[in-house]
Amino acid sequence: MNNDVLNNLKQRRSIYALGKNVKQSDQEIVELIESIIENSPSSFNSQSTRAIILFGDKHDQLWDIVAKRLKSEVPTEAAYQKTLEKINSFKAAYGTVMMFTDMDVIKNLEDNFPLYKDNFYDWSEQAIGNASLAFWTALATNNIGMNMQHYNPIIDDEVRAAFDVPANWRLRAQMPFGSIEAPAGDKDFMDRADRFRVLGD
């Protein structure tokens, strides 16, 4: 049994100690992410996943937006300072991939295939998950760490204005990436007997 894919998946971890010491060029990173998203599966080949890849000042701008927006959400100054430390760890990364779903694509599918209308948004979430896992893993095999954050929907309006995001793109995740400054900790797994069933001969 070839275990190359499994071994690559094992390298994909949520890395929170990220830095800017990335060896690859911005263009190499962009090409990898774009190509993987293009080749990731989606229901009806809908290709509903969208991405904006941020570097440099644009990357910093995103996390400044998050920090400013959370100021009004956190109850105390002490709590905000703790939150700010977390946000600054994402800002310390090299770049960020913002993941979106094109809601016009979903609406079109709902109109054209009414039998499956209630499923298309769920399937778009699967598509965005497929793409995210794939390029997250690919970056990990290139010694680039990443984690996934979800400050949507509270930052949606600010992000849309700052980065000229089309109104039909719905923000789903923010994925900071960069050099791995410290490895992820140990990962626990639940008992397989509680998680899987194998039936048949």
Protein backbone atom coordinates (compact mmCIF):
# COMPACT_ATOMS: atom_id res chain seq x y z
CA MET A 1 0.00 0.00 0.00
CA ASN A 2 1.43 3.40 -1.02
CA ASN A 3 1.33 5.73 2.01
CA ASP A 4 2.72 8.89 0.41
CA VAL A 5 -0.56 10.82 0.76
CA LEU A 6 -0.98 9.69 4.36
CA ASN A 7 2.57 10.71 5.22
CA ASN A 8 1.99 14.13 3.66
CA LEU A 9 -1.25 14.55 5.60
CA LYS A 10 0.58 13.79 8.82
CA GLN A 11 2.80 16.83 8.14
CA ARG A 12 -0.25 19.10 7.96
CA ARG A 13 -0.77 20.52 11.40
CA SER A 14 -2.12 23.76 12.81
CA ILE A 15 1.05 25.81 13.25
CA TYR A 16 0.65 28.87 15.44
CA ALA A 17 4.30 29.94 15.75
CA LEU A 18 4.66 31.40 12.27
CA GLY A 19 7.35 33.66 10.87
CA LYS A 20 8.46 35.39 7.69
CA ASN A 21 11.47 33.17 6.89
CA VAL A 22 9.89 31.58 3.83
CA LYS A 23 12.28 30.31 1.15
CA GLN A 24 9.79 30.14 -1.73
CA SER A 25 8.88 33.18 -3.83
CA ASP A 26 5.44 34.75 -3.62
CA GLN A 27 4.77 33.58 -7.18
CA GLU A 28 5.65 29.98 -6.34
CA ILE A 29 3.25 30.05 -3.40
CA VAL A 30 0.49 31.64 -5.49
CA GLU A 31 0.94 29.13 -8.32
CA LEU A 32 0.77 26.21 -5.90
CA ILE A 33 -2.37 27.45 -4.14
CA GLU A 34 -4.17 28.44 -7.35
CA SER A 35 -3.35 25.16 -9.10
CA ILE A 36 -4.50 23.09 -6.14
CA ILE A 37 -7.79 24.97 -5.82
CA GLU A 38 -8.37 24.49 -9.56
CA ASN A 39 -7.82 20.75 -9.22
CA SER A 40 -9.85 20.25 -6.03
CA PRO A 41 -13.26 18.58 -6.39
CA SER A 42 -16.57 20.41 -6.08
CA SER A 43 -20.14 19.24 -6.56
CA PHE A 44 -21.35 19.46 -10.18
CA ASN A 45 -17.85 20.83 -10.91
CA SER A 46 -19.31 24.09 -9.64
CA GLN A 47 -15.89 25.58 -8.80
CA SER A 48 -17.53 27.78 -6.15
CA THR A 49 -14.37 28.33 -4.08
CA ARG A 50 -12.64 31.71 -4.32
CA ALA A 51 -9.40 32.88 -2.69
CA ILE A 52 -7.55 36.12 -2.08
CA ILE A 53 -3.87 35.65 -1.21
CA LEU A 54 -2.34 38.46 0.83
CA PHE A 55 1.33 39.36 1.21
CA GLY A 56 3.21 42.22 2.82
CA ASP A 57 1.18 45.29 3.75
CA LYS A 58 -2.07 43.66 2.61
CA HIS A 59 -1.49 40.74 4.96
CA ASP A 60 -0.80 43.16 7.81
CA GLN A 61 -3.90 45.17 6.92
CA LEU A 62 -6.15 42.14 7.34
CA TRP A 63 -4.96 41.41 10.84
CA ASP A 64 -5.15 45.10 11.79
CA ILE A 65 -8.80 44.97 10.71
CA VAL A 66 -9.37 41.92 12.90
CA ALA A 67 -7.64 43.55 15.89
CA LYS A 68 -9.63 46.77 15.55
CA ARG A 69 -12.92 44.94 15.06
CA LEU A 70 -12.44 42.71 18.11
CA LYS A 71 -11.76 45.73 20.32
CA SER A 72 -15.51 46.35 20.53
CA GLU A 73 -16.31 42.66 21.10
CA VAL A 74 -14.02 41.78 23.99
CA PRO A 75 -15.44 42.68 27.43
CA THR A 76 -12.31 43.89 29.25
CA GLU A 77 -8.99 45.49 28.40
CA ALA A 78 -7.13 42.53 29.90
CA ALA A 79 -9.09 40.14 27.71
CA TYR A 80 -8.45 42.33 24.68
CA GLN A 81 -4.69 42.33 25.30
CA LYS A 82 -4.75 38.53 25.38
CA THR A 83 -6.76 38.51 22.17
CA LEU A 84 -4.32 40.97 20.62
CA GLU A 85 -1.42 38.63 21.35
CA LYS A 86 -3.18 35.94 19.36
CA ILE A 87 -3.93 38.30 16.47
CA ASN A 88 -0.32 39.49 16.44
CA SER A 89 0.85 35.89 16.11
CA PHE A 90 -1.15 35.66 12.87
CA LYS A 91 0.21 39.02 11.72
CA ALA A 92 3.74 37.71 12.33
CA ALA A 93 3.16 35.18 9.54
CA TYR A 94 4.36 35.67 5.97
CA GLY A 95 0.95 35.85 4.31
CA THR A 96 -2.71 34.91 4.52
CA VAL A 97 -5.15 33.08 2.27
CA MET A 98 -8.72 34.32 2.60
CA MET A 99 -11.22 31.68 1.49
CA PHE A 100 -14.62 32.55 0.02
CA THR A 101 -17.67 30.89 -1.51
CA ASP A 102 -19.19 32.51 -4.59
CA MET A 103 -22.85 32.71 -3.63
CA ASP A 104 -23.91 33.49 -7.21
CA VAL A 105 -22.71 30.03 -8.17
CA ILE A 106 -24.76 28.50 -5.36
CA LYS A 107 -27.88 30.47 -6.35
CA ASN A 108 -27.52 29.40 -9.97
CA LEU A 109 -27.27 25.74 -8.96
CA GLU A 110 -30.29 26.07 -6.68
CA ASP A 111 -32.33 27.57 -9.53
CA ASN A 112 -31.25 25.00 -12.11
CA PHE A 113 -31.38 21.89 -9.92
CA PRO A 114 -34.26 22.47 -7.49
CA LEU A 115 -34.30 18.81 -6.41
CA TYR A 116 -30.94 19.38 -4.69
CA LYS A 117 -31.56 22.99 -3.66
CA ASP A 118 -31.09 22.37 0.06
CA ASN A 119 -27.73 20.70 -0.47
CA PHE A 120 -25.70 23.08 -2.62
CA TYR A 121 -24.43 25.33 0.16
CA ASP A 122 -23.42 22.31 2.25
CA TRP A 123 -21.63 20.89 -0.77
CA SER A 124 -19.82 24.20 -1.30
CA GLU A 125 -18.49 23.92 2.25
CA GLN A 126 -17.16 20.49 1.36
CA ALA A 127 -15.52 21.98 -1.73
CA ILE A 128 -13.81 24.73 0.26
CA GLY A 129 -12.69 22.13 2.80
CA ASN A 130 -11.26 19.94 0.04
CA ALA A 131 -9.27 22.83 -1.41
CA SER A 132 -8.07 24.13 1.97
CA LEU A 133 -6.84 20.74 3.14
CA ALA A 134 -5.07 20.14 -0.15
CA PHE A 135 -3.03 23.35 -0.29
CA TRP A 136 -2.50 23.34 3.49
CA THR A 137 -0.92 19.91 3.10
CA ALA A 138 1.09 20.96 0.05
CA LEU A 139 2.49 23.96 1.90
CA ALA A 140 3.39 21.73 4.84
CA THR A 141 5.42 19.45 2.55
CA ASN A 142 7.33 22.60 1.55
CA ASN A 143 8.04 23.49 5.20
CA ILE A 144 5.47 26.27 5.28
CA GLY A 145 3.17 26.22 8.29
CA MET A 146 -0.45 27.34 8.36
CA ASN A 147 -3.52 27.49 10.55
CA MET A 148 -7.18 28.26 9.90
CA GLN A 149 -9.16 31.06 11.56
CA HIS A 150 -12.79 32.15 11.36
CA TYR A 151 -13.27 35.82 12.20
CA ASN A 152 -16.09 35.97 9.70
CA PRO A 153 -18.78 37.24 9.73
CA ILE A 154 -17.80 40.09 12.10
CA ILE A 155 -15.04 41.32 9.76
CA ASP A 156 -16.92 40.75 6.48
CA ASP A 157 -17.88 44.37 5.79
CA GLU A 158 -14.42 45.73 6.58
CA VAL A 159 -12.73 43.03 4.49
CA ARG A 160 -15.06 43.67 1.57
CA ALA A 161 -14.25 47.39 1.59
CA ALA A 162 -10.51 47.01 2.18
CA PHE A 163 -9.83 44.40 -0.49
CA ASP A 164 -12.54 45.18 -3.05
CA VAL A 165 -14.24 41.83 -2.51
CA PRO A 166 -17.22 41.16 -4.79
CA ALA A 167 -20.54 41.31 -2.95
CA ASN A 168 -21.36 37.73 -3.96
CA TRP A 169 -18.21 36.29 -2.33
CA ARG A 170 -18.93 35.05 1.19
CA LEU A 171 -15.91 34.96 3.51
CA ARG A 172 -15.44 31.52 5.08
CA ALA A 173 -11.93 31.41 6.57
CA GLN A 174 -8.63 33.20 7.04
CA MET A 175 -5.48 31.05 6.81
CA PRO A 176 -2.20 32.69 7.88
CA PHE A 177 0.95 30.93 6.66
CA GLY A 178 4.67 31.31 7.13
CA SER A 179 7.88 29.70 8.29
CA ILE A 180 7.50 27.15 11.06
CA GLU A 181 9.10 28.79 14.11
CA ALA A 182 7.96 26.05 16.51
CA PRO A 183 6.34 22.68 15.77
CA ALA A 184 2.81 21.71 16.66
CA GLY A 185 2.28 19.78 19.87
CA ASP A 186 1.24 16.16 20.16
CA LYS A 187 -2.10 15.25 18.63
CA ASP A 188 -4.51 12.89 20.37
CA PHE A 189 -6.85 10.58 18.48
CA MET A 190 -10.09 9.13 19.75
CA ASP A 191 -10.51 5.37 19.81
CA ARG A 192 -11.14 4.07 16.29
CA ALA A 193 -13.85 1.73 17.60
CA ASP A 194 -15.88 4.81 18.59
CA ARG A 195 -15.36 6.49 15.22
CA PHE A 196 -15.48 3.88 12.48
CA ARG A 197 -17.58 0.91 11.42
CA VAL A 198 -16.54 -1.57 8.75
CA LEU A 199 -19.31 -3.74 7.30
CA GLY A 200 -19.33 -6.51 4.74
CA ASP A 201 -17.35 -9.62 3.94
